[in-house]
Amino acid sequence: NTFATPINQNPLALGADIVLHSASKYLGGHADALGGVICGSKKLV
């Protein structure tokens, strides 16, 4: 969901099990930090 961001799109609400982001992109937004993140059910995460 990196390109869409949680602001524009929420895949979990559409039936996905895991949503992931390259946090280095829109989440951080300032090109000064590397990171990634996934979200989902507690069991899968």
PDB file of all heavy atoms in Angstrom:
ATOM      1  N   ASN A   1       0.816  -1.214   0.000  1.00  0.00           N
ATOM      2  CA  ASN A   1       0.000   0.000   0.000  1.00  0.00           C
ATOM      3  C   ASN A   1       0.851   1.267   0.000  1.00  0.00           C
ATOM      4  O   ASN A   1       0.368   2.349   0.321  1.00  0.00           O
ATOM      5  CB  ASN A   1      -0.919  -0.002   1.231  1.00  0.00           C
ATOM      6  CG  ASN A   1      -2.136   0.895   1.087  1.00  0.00           C
ATOM      7  OD1 ASN A   1      -2.681   1.035   0.000  1.00  0.00           O
ATOM      8  ND2 ASN A   1      -2.565   1.499   2.190  1.00  0.00           N
ATOM      9  N   THR A   2       2.121   1.125  -0.383  1.00  0.00           N
ATOM     10  CA  THR A   2       3.063   2.242  -0.294  1.00  0.00           C
ATOM     11  C   THR A   2       2.598   3.463  -1.080  1.00  0.00           C
ATOM     12  O   THR A   2       2.609   4.586  -0.568  1.00  0.00           O
ATOM     13  CB  THR A   2       4.456   1.813  -0.791  1.00  0.00           C
ATOM     14  OG1 THR A   2       4.938   0.737   0.024  1.00  0.00           O
ATOM     15  CG2 THR A   2       5.440   2.971  -0.728  1.00  0.00           C
ATOM     16  N   PHE A   3       2.207   3.258  -2.341  1.00  0.00           N
ATOM     17  CA  PHE A   3       1.830   4.386  -3.188  1.00  0.00           C
ATOM     18  C   PHE A   3       0.539   5.051  -2.731  1.00  0.00           C
ATOM     19  O   PHE A   3       0.390   6.270  -2.830  1.00  0.00           O
ATOM     20  CB  PHE A   3       1.673   3.926  -4.645  1.00  0.00           C
ATOM     21  CG  PHE A   3       2.936   4.019  -5.456  1.00  0.00           C
ATOM     22  CD1 PHE A   3       4.179   3.924  -4.856  1.00  0.00           C
ATOM     23  CD2 PHE A   3       2.895   4.198  -6.831  1.00  0.00           C
ATOM     24  CE1 PHE A   3       5.343   4.007  -5.602  1.00  0.00           C
ATOM     25  CE2 PHE A   3       4.051   4.293  -7.590  1.00  0.00           C
ATOM     26  CZ  PHE A   3       5.283   4.194  -6.974  1.00  0.00           C
ATOM     27  N   ALA A   4      -0.402   4.278  -2.241  1.00  0.00           N
ATOM     28  CA  ALA A   4      -1.704   4.842  -1.861  1.00  0.00           C
ATOM     29  C   ALA A   4      -1.666   5.536  -0.506  1.00  0.00           C
ATOM     30  O   ALA A   4      -2.306   6.567  -0.319  1.00  0.00           O
ATOM     31  CB  ALA A   4      -2.772   3.757  -1.861  1.00  0.00           C
ATOM     32  N   THR A   5      -0.931   4.964   0.438  1.00  0.00           N
ATOM     33  CA  THR A   5      -0.877   5.381   1.845  1.00  0.00           C
ATOM     34  C   THR A   5      -2.192   5.057   2.560  1.00  0.00           C
ATOM     35  O   THR A   5      -3.234   4.912   1.901  1.00  0.00           O
ATOM     36  CB  THR A   5      -0.573   6.886   2.042  1.00  0.00           C
ATOM     37  OG1 THR A   5      -1.774   7.664   1.861  1.00  0.00           O
ATOM     38  CG2 THR A   5       0.505   7.376   1.114  1.00  0.00           C
ATOM     39  N   PRO A   6      -2.164   4.989   3.896  1.00  0.00           N
ATOM     40  CA  PRO A   6      -3.411   4.741   4.637  1.00  0.00           C
ATOM     41  C   PRO A   6      -4.432   5.870   4.497  1.00  0.00           C
ATOM     42  O   PRO A   6      -5.611   5.675   4.794  1.00  0.00           O
ATOM     43  CB  PRO A   6      -2.935   4.626   6.098  1.00  0.00           C
ATOM     44  CG  PRO A   6      -1.471   4.396   6.035  1.00  0.00           C
ATOM     45  CD  PRO A   6      -1.000   5.067   4.788  1.00  0.00           C
ATOM     46  N   ILE A   7      -3.986   7.029   4.054  1.00  0.00           N
ATOM     47  CA  ILE A   7      -4.900   8.158   3.891  1.00  0.00           C
ATOM     48  C   ILE A   7      -5.849   7.914   2.725  1.00  0.00           C
ATOM     49  O   ILE A   7      -7.026   8.269   2.775  1.00  0.00           O
ATOM     50  CB  ILE A   7      -4.109   9.472   3.674  1.00  0.00           C
ATOM     51  CG1 ILE A   7      -3.125   9.717   4.828  1.00  0.00           C
ATOM     52  CG2 ILE A   7      -5.062  10.652   3.502  1.00  0.00           C
ATOM     53  CD1 ILE A   7      -3.762   9.756   6.222  1.00  0.00           C
ATOM     54  N   ASN A   8      -5.348   7.296   1.666  1.00  0.00           N
ATOM     55  CA  ASN A   8      -6.146   7.095   0.454  1.00  0.00           C
ATOM     56  C   ASN A   8      -6.781   5.718   0.345  1.00  0.00           C
ATOM     57  O   ASN A   8      -7.796   5.571  -0.345  1.00  0.00           O
ATOM     58  CB  ASN A   8      -5.275   7.324  -0.789  1.00  0.00           C
ATOM     59  CG  ASN A   8      -4.873   8.774  -0.962  1.00  0.00           C
ATOM     60  OD1 ASN A   8      -5.589   9.680  -0.546  1.00  0.00           O
ATOM     61  ND2 ASN A   8      -3.719   9.001  -1.561  1.00  0.00           N
ATOM     62  N   GLN A   9      -6.191   4.710   0.984  1.00  0.00           N
ATOM     63  CA  GLN A   9      -6.653   3.339   0.766  1.00  0.00           C
ATOM     64  C   GLN A   9      -6.330   2.466   1.972  1.00  0.00           C
ATOM     65  O   GLN A   9      -5.222   2.544   2.514  1.00  0.00           O
ATOM     66  CB  GLN A   9      -5.951   2.797  -0.484  1.00  0.00           C
ATOM     67  CG  GLN A   9      -6.289   1.383  -0.885  1.00  0.00           C
ATOM     68  CD  GLN A   9      -5.655   1.041  -2.222  1.00  0.00           C
ATOM     69  OE1 GLN A   9      -6.248   1.221  -3.277  1.00  0.00           O
ATOM     70  NE2 GLN A   9      -4.414   0.541  -2.205  1.00  0.00           N
ATOM     71  N   ASN A  10      -7.265   1.619   2.358  1.00  0.00           N
ATOM     72  CA  ASN A  10      -7.068   0.699   3.482  1.00  0.00           C
ATOM     73  C   ASN A  10      -7.374  -0.729   3.041  1.00  0.00           C
ATOM     74  O   ASN A  10      -8.515  -1.191   3.122  1.00  0.00           O
ATOM     75  CB  ASN A  10      -7.943   1.091   4.670  1.00  0.00           C
ATOM     76  CG  ASN A  10      -7.621   2.472   5.206  1.00  0.00           C
ATOM     77  OD1 ASN A  10      -8.400   3.402   5.079  1.00  0.00           O
ATOM     78  ND2 ASN A  10      -6.450   2.608   5.813  1.00  0.00           N
ATOM     79  N   PRO A  11      -6.375  -1.461   2.569  1.00  0.00           N
ATOM     80  CA  PRO A  11      -6.587  -2.806   2.021  1.00  0.00           C
ATOM     81  C   PRO A  11      -7.226  -3.800   2.990  1.00  0.00           C
ATOM     82  O   PRO A  11      -7.950  -4.695   2.558  1.00  0.00           O
ATOM     83  CB  PRO A  11      -5.174  -3.246   1.631  1.00  0.00           C
ATOM     84  CG  PRO A  11      -4.464  -1.968   1.322  1.00  0.00           C
ATOM     85  CD  PRO A  11      -4.987  -1.009   2.338  1.00  0.00           C
ATOM     86  N   LEU A  12      -6.944  -3.668   4.282  1.00  0.00           N
ATOM     87  CA  LEU A  12      -7.533  -4.612   5.239  1.00  0.00           C
ATOM     88  C   LEU A  12      -9.053  -4.529   5.224  1.00  0.00           C
ATOM     89  O   LEU A  12      -9.742  -5.550   5.354  1.00  0.00           O
ATOM     90  CB  LEU A  12      -7.006  -4.343   6.652  1.00  0.00           C
ATOM     91  CG  LEU A  12      -5.492  -4.511   6.866  1.00  0.00           C
ATOM     92  CD1 LEU A  12      -5.131  -4.188   8.302  1.00  0.00           C
ATOM     93  CD2 LEU A  12      -5.037  -5.923   6.511  1.00  0.00           C
ATOM     94  N   ALA A  13      -9.572  -3.332   5.041  1.00  0.00           N
ATOM     95  CA  ALA A  13     -11.027  -3.145   4.986  1.00  0.00           C
ATOM     96  C   ALA A  13     -11.619  -3.722   3.708  1.00  0.00           C
ATOM     97  O   ALA A  13     -12.834  -3.942   3.630  1.00  0.00           O
ATOM     98  CB  ALA A  13     -11.361  -1.658   5.088  1.00  0.00           C
ATOM     99  N   LEU A  14     -10.755  -3.985   2.722  1.00  0.00           N
ATOM    100  CA  LEU A  14     -11.209  -4.529   1.440  1.00  0.00           C
ATOM    101  C   LEU A  14     -10.995  -6.039   1.346  1.00  0.00           C
ATOM    102  O   LEU A  14     -11.243  -6.640   0.306  1.00  0.00           O
ATOM    103  CB  LEU A  14     -10.472  -3.835   0.293  1.00  0.00           C
ATOM    104  CG  LEU A  14     -10.734  -2.325   0.171  1.00  0.00           C
ATOM    105  CD1 LEU A  14      -9.731  -1.683  -0.779  1.00  0.00           C
ATOM    106  CD2 LEU A  14     -12.160  -2.059  -0.293  1.00  0.00           C
ATOM    107  N   GLY A  15     -10.503  -6.640   2.438  1.00  0.00           N
ATOM    108  CA  GLY A  15     -10.362  -8.088   2.467  1.00  0.00           C
ATOM    109  C   GLY A  15      -8.945  -8.619   2.538  1.00  0.00           C
ATOM    110  O   GLY A  15      -8.740  -9.826   2.646  1.00  0.00           O
ATOM    111  N   ALA A  16      -7.943  -7.748   2.476  1.00  0.00           N
ATOM    112  CA  ALA A  16      -6.553  -8.204   2.567  1.00  0.00           C
ATOM    113  C   ALA A  16      -6.251  -8.694   3.980  1.00  0.00           C
ATOM    114  O   ALA A  16      -6.898  -8.291   4.949  1.00  0.00           O
ATOM    115  CB  ALA A  16      -5.600  -7.078   2.181  1.00  0.00           C
ATOM    116  N   ASP A  17      -5.236  -9.555   4.086  1.00  0.00           N
ATOM    117  CA  ASP A  17      -4.810 -10.075   5.388  1.00  0.00           C
ATOM    118  C   ASP A  17      -3.620  -9.307   5.949  1.00  0.00           C
ATOM    119  O   ASP A  17      -3.507  -9.108   7.151  1.00  0.00           O
ATOM    120  CB  ASP A  17      -4.432 -11.559   5.265  1.00  0.00           C
ATOM    121  CG  ASP A  17      -5.597 -12.419   4.836  1.00  0.00           C
ATOM    122  OD1 ASP A  17      -6.583 -12.479   5.591  1.00  0.00           O
ATOM    123  OD2 ASP A  17      -5.538 -13.014   3.742  1.00  0.00           O
ATOM    124  N   ILE A  18      -2.732  -8.901   5.057  1.00  0.00           N
ATOM    125  CA  ILE A  18      -1.529  -8.159   5.437  1.00  0.00           C
ATOM    126  C   ILE A  18      -1.400  -6.946   4.523  1.00  0.00           C
ATOM    127  O   ILE A  18      -1.541  -7.058   3.302  1.00  0.00           O
ATOM    128  CB  ILE A  18      -0.257  -9.020   5.293  1.00  0.00           C
ATOM    129  CG1 ILE A  18      -0.250 -10.192   6.279  1.00  0.00           C
ATOM    130  CG2 ILE A  18       1.001  -8.166   5.458  1.00  0.00           C
ATOM    131  CD1 ILE A  18       0.052  -9.827   7.706  1.00  0.00           C
ATOM    132  N   VAL A  19      -1.155  -5.783   5.109  1.00  0.00           N
ATOM    133  CA  VAL A  19      -0.856  -4.597   4.317  1.00  0.00           C
ATOM    134  C   VAL A  19       0.552  -4.156   4.691  1.00  0.00           C
ATOM    135  O   VAL A  19       0.932  -4.170   5.865  1.00  0.00           O
ATOM    136  CB  VAL A  19      -1.881  -3.462   4.562  1.00  0.00           C
ATOM    137  CG1 VAL A  19      -1.966  -3.085   6.028  1.00  0.00           C
ATOM    138  CG2 VAL A  19      -1.542  -2.234   3.728  1.00  0.00           C
ATOM    139  N   LEU A  20       1.354  -3.808   3.686  1.00  0.00           N
ATOM    140  CA  LEU A  20       2.726  -3.406   3.977  1.00  0.00           C
ATOM    141  C   LEU A  20       3.056  -2.071   3.323  1.00  0.00           C
ATOM    142  O   LEU A  20       2.431  -1.658   2.347  1.00  0.00           O
ATOM    143  CB  LEU A  20       3.720  -4.486   3.571  1.00  0.00           C
ATOM    144  CG  LEU A  20       3.875  -4.914   2.115  1.00  0.00           C
ATOM    145  CD1 LEU A  20       4.814  -3.973   1.363  1.00  0.00           C
ATOM    146  CD2 LEU A  20       4.413  -6.332   2.040  1.00  0.00           C
ATOM    147  N   HIS A  21       4.063  -1.418   3.900  1.00  0.00           N
ATOM    148  CA  HIS A  21       4.523  -0.115   3.408  1.00  0.00           C
ATOM    149  C   HIS A  21       6.043  -0.055   3.409  1.00  0.00           C
ATOM    150  O   HIS A  21       6.685  -0.559   4.343  1.00  0.00           O
ATOM    151  CB  HIS A  21       4.034   1.026   4.311  1.00  0.00           C
ATOM    152  CG  HIS A  21       2.574   1.251   4.315  1.00  0.00           C
ATOM    153  ND1 HIS A  21       1.953   2.118   3.447  1.00  0.00           N
ATOM    154  CD2 HIS A  21       1.592   0.723   5.092  1.00  0.00           C
ATOM    155  CE1 HIS A  21       0.650   2.120   3.688  1.00  0.00           C
ATOM    156  NE2 HIS A  21       0.404   1.282   4.676  1.00  0.00           N
ATOM    157  N   SER A  22       6.595   0.578   2.389  1.00  0.00           N
ATOM    158  CA  SER A  22       7.944   1.097   2.506  1.00  0.00           C
ATOM    159  C   SER A  22       7.790   2.431   3.215  1.00  0.00           C
ATOM    160  O   SER A  22       7.376   3.425   2.610  1.00  0.00           O
ATOM    161  CB  SER A  22       8.583   1.289   1.132  1.00  0.00           C
ATOM    162  OG  SER A  22       9.822   1.957   1.281  1.00  0.00           O
ATOM    163  N   ALA A  23       8.098   2.457   4.499  1.00  0.00           N
ATOM    164  CA  ALA A  23       7.898   3.666   5.306  1.00  0.00           C
ATOM    165  C   ALA A  23       8.851   4.779   4.910  1.00  0.00           C
ATOM    166  O   ALA A  23       8.634   5.949   5.262  1.00  0.00           O
ATOM    167  CB  ALA A  23       8.065   3.332   6.788  1.00  0.00           C
ATOM    168  N   SER A  24       9.892   4.428   4.158  1.00  0.00           N
ATOM    169  CA  SER A  24      10.852   5.423   3.670  1.00  0.00           C
ATOM    170  C   SER A  24      10.191   6.430   2.747  1.00  0.00           C
ATOM    171  O   SER A  24      10.733   7.518   2.529  1.00  0.00           O
ATOM    172  CB  SER A  24      11.988   4.732   2.901  1.00  0.00           C
ATOM    173  OG  SER A  24      12.366   3.518   3.485  1.00  0.00           O
ATOM    174  N   LYS A  25       9.039   6.070   2.198  1.00  0.00           N
ATOM    175  CA  LYS A  25       8.370   6.892   1.201  1.00  0.00           C
ATOM    176  C   LYS A  25       7.391   7.870   1.869  1.00  0.00           C
ATOM    177  O   LYS A  25       7.795   8.763   2.588  1.00  0.00           O
ATOM    178  CB  LYS A  25       7.663   5.993   0.174  1.00  0.00           C
ATOM    179  CG  LYS A  25       8.547   4.871  -0.371  1.00  0.00           C
ATOM    180  CD  LYS A  25       9.798   5.382  -1.045  1.00  0.00           C
ATOM    181  CE  LYS A  25      10.546   4.311  -1.829  1.00  0.00           C
ATOM    182  NZ  LYS A  25      11.063   3.192  -1.043  1.00  0.00           N
ATOM    183  N   TYR A  26       6.099   7.686   1.652  1.00  0.00           N
ATOM    184  CA  TYR A  26       5.112   8.668   2.117  1.00  0.00           C
ATOM    185  C   TYR A  26       4.990   8.747   3.634  1.00  0.00           C
ATOM    186  O   TYR A  26       4.752   9.825   4.180  1.00  0.00           O
ATOM    187  CB  TYR A  26       3.737   8.362   1.521  1.00  0.00           C
ATOM    188  CG  TYR A  26       3.604   8.780   0.087  1.00  0.00           C
ATOM    189  CD1 TYR A  26       3.733   7.850  -0.937  1.00  0.00           C
ATOM    190  CD2 TYR A  26       3.374  10.107  -0.263  1.00  0.00           C
ATOM    191  CE1 TYR A  26       3.621   8.223  -2.269  1.00  0.00           C
ATOM    192  CE2 TYR A  26       3.261  10.494  -1.584  1.00  0.00           C
ATOM    193  CZ  TYR A  26       3.384   9.547  -2.583  1.00  0.00           C
ATOM    194  OH  TYR A  26       3.277   9.935  -3.898  1.00  0.00           O
ATOM    195  N   LEU A  27       5.119   7.632   4.331  1.00  0.00           N
ATOM    196  CA  LEU A  27       4.919   7.678   5.780  1.00  0.00           C
ATOM    197  C   LEU A  27       5.902   8.643   6.421  1.00  0.00           C
ATOM    198  O   LEU A  27       5.520   9.538   7.171  1.00  0.00           O
ATOM    199  CB  LEU A  27       5.043   6.277   6.395  1.00  0.00           C
ATOM    200  CG  LEU A  27       3.996   5.247   5.967  1.00  0.00           C
ATOM    201  CD1 LEU A  27       4.139   3.969   6.786  1.00  0.00           C
ATOM    202  CD2 LEU A  27       2.575   5.790   6.100  1.00  0.00           C
ATOM    203  N   GLY A  28       7.188   8.462   6.140  1.00  0.00           N
ATOM    204  CA  GLY A  28       8.193   9.397   6.661  1.00  0.00           C
ATOM    205  C   GLY A  28       8.097  10.744   5.970  1.00  0.00           C
ATOM    206  O   GLY A  28       8.109  11.793   6.607  1.00  0.00           O
ATOM    207  N   GLY A  29       8.056  10.715   4.651  1.00  0.00           N
ATOM    208  CA  GLY A  29       7.761  11.910   3.871  1.00  0.00           C
ATOM    209  C   GLY A  29       8.876  12.916   3.697  1.00  0.00           C
ATOM    210  O   GLY A  29       8.684  13.943   3.043  1.00  0.00           O
ATOM    211  N   HIS A  30      10.072  12.651   4.259  1.00  0.00           N
ATOM    212  CA  HIS A  30      11.146  13.636   4.163  1.00  0.00           C
ATOM    213  C   HIS A  30      12.457  13.042   3.642  1.00  0.00           C
ATOM    214  O   HIS A  30      13.501  13.707   3.684  1.00  0.00           O
ATOM    215  CB  HIS A  30      11.379  14.293   5.527  1.00  0.00           C
ATOM    216  CG  HIS A  30      10.240  15.163   5.959  1.00  0.00           C
ATOM    217  ND1 HIS A  30       9.070  14.641   6.481  1.00  0.00           N
ATOM    218  CD2 HIS A  30      10.061  16.504   5.924  1.00  0.00           C
ATOM    219  CE1 HIS A  30       8.232  15.632   6.756  1.00  0.00           C
ATOM    220  NE2 HIS A  30       8.811  16.767   6.419  1.00  0.00           N
ATOM    221  N   ALA A  31      12.415  11.807   3.166  1.00  0.00           N
ATOM    222  CA  ALA A  31      13.579  11.168   2.544  1.00  0.00           C
ATOM    223  C   ALA A  31      14.798  11.150   3.463  1.00  0.00           C
ATOM    224  O   ALA A  31      15.939  11.255   2.990  1.00  0.00           O
ATOM    225  CB  ALA A  31      13.912  11.862   1.220  1.00  0.00           C
ATOM    226  N   ASP A  32      14.550  11.004   4.766  1.00  0.00           N
ATOM    227  CA  ASP A  32      15.674  11.006   5.702  1.00  0.00           C
ATOM    228  C   ASP A  32      15.680   9.793   6.631  1.00  0.00           C
ATOM    229  O   ASP A  32      16.439   9.757   7.605  1.00  0.00           O
ATOM    230  CB  ASP A  32      15.678  12.297   6.531  1.00  0.00           C
ATOM    231  CG  ASP A  32      14.379  12.518   7.309  1.00  0.00           C
ATOM    232  OD1 ASP A  32      13.487  11.639   7.269  1.00  0.00           O
ATOM    233  OD2 ASP A  32      14.250  13.577   7.965  1.00  0.00           O
ATOM    234  N   ALA A  33      14.852   8.798   6.348  1.00  0.00           N
ATOM    235  CA  ALA A  33      14.804   7.611   7.204  1.00  0.00           C
ATOM    236  C   ALA A  33      14.355   6.401   6.391  1.00  0.00           C
ATOM    237  O   ALA A  33      13.397   6.484   5.624  1.00  0.00           O
ATOM    238  CB  ALA A  33      13.847   7.835   8.377  1.00  0.00           C
ATOM    239  N   LEU A  34      15.056   5.288   6.575  1.00  0.00           N
ATOM    240  CA  LEU A  34      14.669   4.024   5.945  1.00  0.00           C
ATOM    241  C   LEU A  34      13.813   3.209   6.908  1.00  0.00           C
ATOM    242  O   LEU A  34      14.073   3.195   8.118  1.00  0.00           O
ATOM    243  CB  LEU A  34      15.910   3.197   5.591  1.00  0.00           C
ATOM    244  CG  LEU A  34      16.677   3.546   4.320  1.00  0.00           C
ATOM    245  CD1 LEU A  34      17.960   2.728   4.262  1.00  0.00           C
ATOM    246  CD2 LEU A  34      15.833   3.271   3.087  1.00  0.00           C
ATOM    247  N   GLY A  35      12.810   2.525   6.362  1.00  0.00           N
ATOM    248  CA  GLY A  35      12.005   1.657   7.212  1.00  0.00           C
ATOM    249  C   GLY A  35      10.916   0.965   6.426  1.00  0.00           C
ATOM    250  O   GLY A  35      10.571   1.366   5.311  1.00  0.00           O
ATOM    251  N   GLY A  36      10.386  -0.092   6.988  1.00  0.00           N
ATOM    252  CA  GLY A  36       9.256  -0.808   6.422  1.00  0.00           C
ATOM    253  C   GLY A  36       8.341  -1.247   7.542  1.00  0.00           C
ATOM    254  O   GLY A  36       8.752  -1.307   8.704  1.00  0.00           O
ATOM    255  N   VAL A  37       7.098  -1.567   7.214  1.00  0.00           N
ATOM    256  CA  VAL A  37       6.144  -1.970   8.243  1.00  0.00           C
ATOM    257  C   VAL A  37       5.046  -2.809   7.612  1.00  0.00           C
ATOM    258  O   VAL A  37       4.699  -2.607   6.443  1.00  0.00           O
ATOM    259  CB  VAL A  37       5.548  -0.719   8.949  1.00  0.00           C
ATOM    260  CG1 VAL A  37       4.771   0.152   7.983  1.00  0.00           C
ATOM    261  CG2 VAL A  37       4.709  -1.096  10.156  1.00  0.00           C
ATOM    262  N   ILE A  38       4.538  -3.788   8.378  1.00  0.00           N
ATOM    263  CA  ILE A  38       3.360  -4.536   7.955  1.00  0.00           C
ATOM    264  C   ILE A  38       2.300  -4.444   9.046  1.00  0.00           C
ATOM    265  O   ILE A  38       2.621  -4.265  10.233  1.00  0.00           O
ATOM    266  CB  ILE A  38       3.654  -6.017   7.653  1.00  0.00           C
ATOM    267  CG1 ILE A  38       3.963  -6.781   8.951  1.00  0.00           C
ATOM    268  CG2 ILE A  38       4.757  -6.174   6.634  1.00  0.00           C
ATOM    269  CD1 ILE A  38       3.731  -8.267   8.872  1.00  0.00           C
ATOM    270  N   CYS A  39       1.035  -4.557   8.653  1.00  0.00           N
ATOM    271  CA  CYS A  39      -0.084  -4.544   9.599  1.00  0.00           C
ATOM    272  C   CYS A  39      -1.033  -5.681   9.235  1.00  0.00           C
ATOM    273  O   CYS A  39      -1.103  -6.100   8.082  1.00  0.00           O
ATOM    274  CB  CYS A  39      -0.860  -3.234   9.530  1.00  0.00           C
ATOM    275  SG  CYS A  39       0.122  -1.753   9.735  1.00  0.00           S
ATOM    276  N   GLY A  40      -1.788  -6.134  10.226  1.00  0.00           N
ATOM    277  CA  GLY A  40      -2.778  -7.172   9.989  1.00  0.00           C
ATOM    278  C   GLY A  40      -3.302  -7.736  11.288  1.00  0.00           C
ATOM    279  O   GLY A  40      -3.246  -7.070  12.328  1.00  0.00           O
ATOM    280  N   SER A  41      -3.783  -8.961  11.251  1.00  0.00           N
ATOM    281  CA  SER A  41      -4.262  -9.612  12.466  1.00  0.00           C
ATOM    282  C   SER A  41      -3.078  -9.918  13.375  1.00  0.00           C
ATOM    283  O   SER A  41      -1.939 -10.097  12.917  1.00  0.00           O
ATOM    284  CB  SER A  41      -5.000 -10.902  12.126  1.00  0.00           C
ATOM    285  OG  SER A  41      -4.098 -11.881  11.636  1.00  0.00           O
ATOM    286  N   LYS A  42      -3.342  -9.997  14.664  1.00  0.00           N
ATOM    287  CA  LYS A  42      -2.280 -10.297  15.627  1.00  0.00           C
ATOM    288  C   LYS A  42      -1.641 -11.648  15.324  1.00  0.00           C
ATOM    289  O   LYS A  42      -0.417 -11.807  15.398  1.00  0.00           O
ATOM    290  CB  LYS A  42      -2.855 -10.288  17.044  1.00  0.00           C
ATOM    291  CG  LYS A  42      -1.811 -10.445  18.135  1.00  0.00           C
ATOM    292  CD  LYS A  42      -2.437 -10.342  19.516  1.00  0.00           C
ATOM    293  CE  LYS A  42      -1.367 -10.485  20.596  1.00  0.00           C
ATOM    294  NZ  LYS A  42      -1.966 -10.424  21.962  1.00  0.00           N
ATOM    295  N   LYS A  43      -2.450 -12.615  14.938  1.00  0.00           N
ATOM    296  CA  LYS A  43      -1.957 -13.966  14.663  1.00  0.00           C
ATOM    297  C   LYS A  43      -0.944 -13.973  13.520  1.00  0.00           C
ATOM    298  O   LYS A  43       0.139 -14.571  13.634  1.00  0.00           O
ATOM    299  CB  LYS A  43      -3.138 -14.883  14.324  1.00  0.00           C
ATOM    300  CG  LYS A  43      -2.739 -16.316  14.023  1.00  0.00           C
ATOM    301  CD  LYS A  43      -3.970 -17.154  13.690  1.00  0.00           C
ATOM    302  CE  LYS A  43      -3.592 -18.597  13.342  1.00  0.00           C
ATOM    303  NZ  LYS A  43      -4.790 -19.403  13.000  1.00  0.00           N
ATOM    304  N   LEU A  44      -1.269 -13.306  12.415  1.00  0.00           N
ATOM    305  CA  LEU A  44      -0.366 -13.290  11.264  1.00  0.00           C
ATOM    306  C   LEU A  44       0.857 -12.417  11.505  1.00  0.00           C
ATOM    307  O   LEU A  44       1.977 -12.788  11.141  1.00  0.00           O
ATOM    308  CB  LEU A  44      -1.115 -12.815  10.015  1.00  0.00           C
ATOM    309  CG  LEU A  44      -2.191 -13.748   9.461  1.00  0.00           C
ATOM    310  CD1 LEU A  44      -2.853 -13.112   8.242  1.00  0.00           C
ATOM    311  CD2 LEU A  44      -1.615 -15.112   9.103  1.00  0.00           C
ATOM    312  N   VAL A  45       0.653 -11.261  12.117  1.00  0.00           N
ATOM    313  CA  VAL A  45       1.765 -10.339  12.354  1.00  0.00           C
ATOM    314  C   VAL A  45       2.785 -10.953  13.314  1.00  0.00           C
ATOM    315  O   VAL A  45       3.998 -10.784  13.141  1.00  0.00           O
ATOM    316  CB  VAL A  45       1.251  -8.984  12.882  1.00  0.00           C
ATOM    317  CG1 VAL A  45       2.408  -8.110  13.372  1.00  0.00           C
ATOM    318  CG2 VAL A  45       0.476  -8.253  11.785  1.00  0.00           C
TER     319      VAL A  45
END
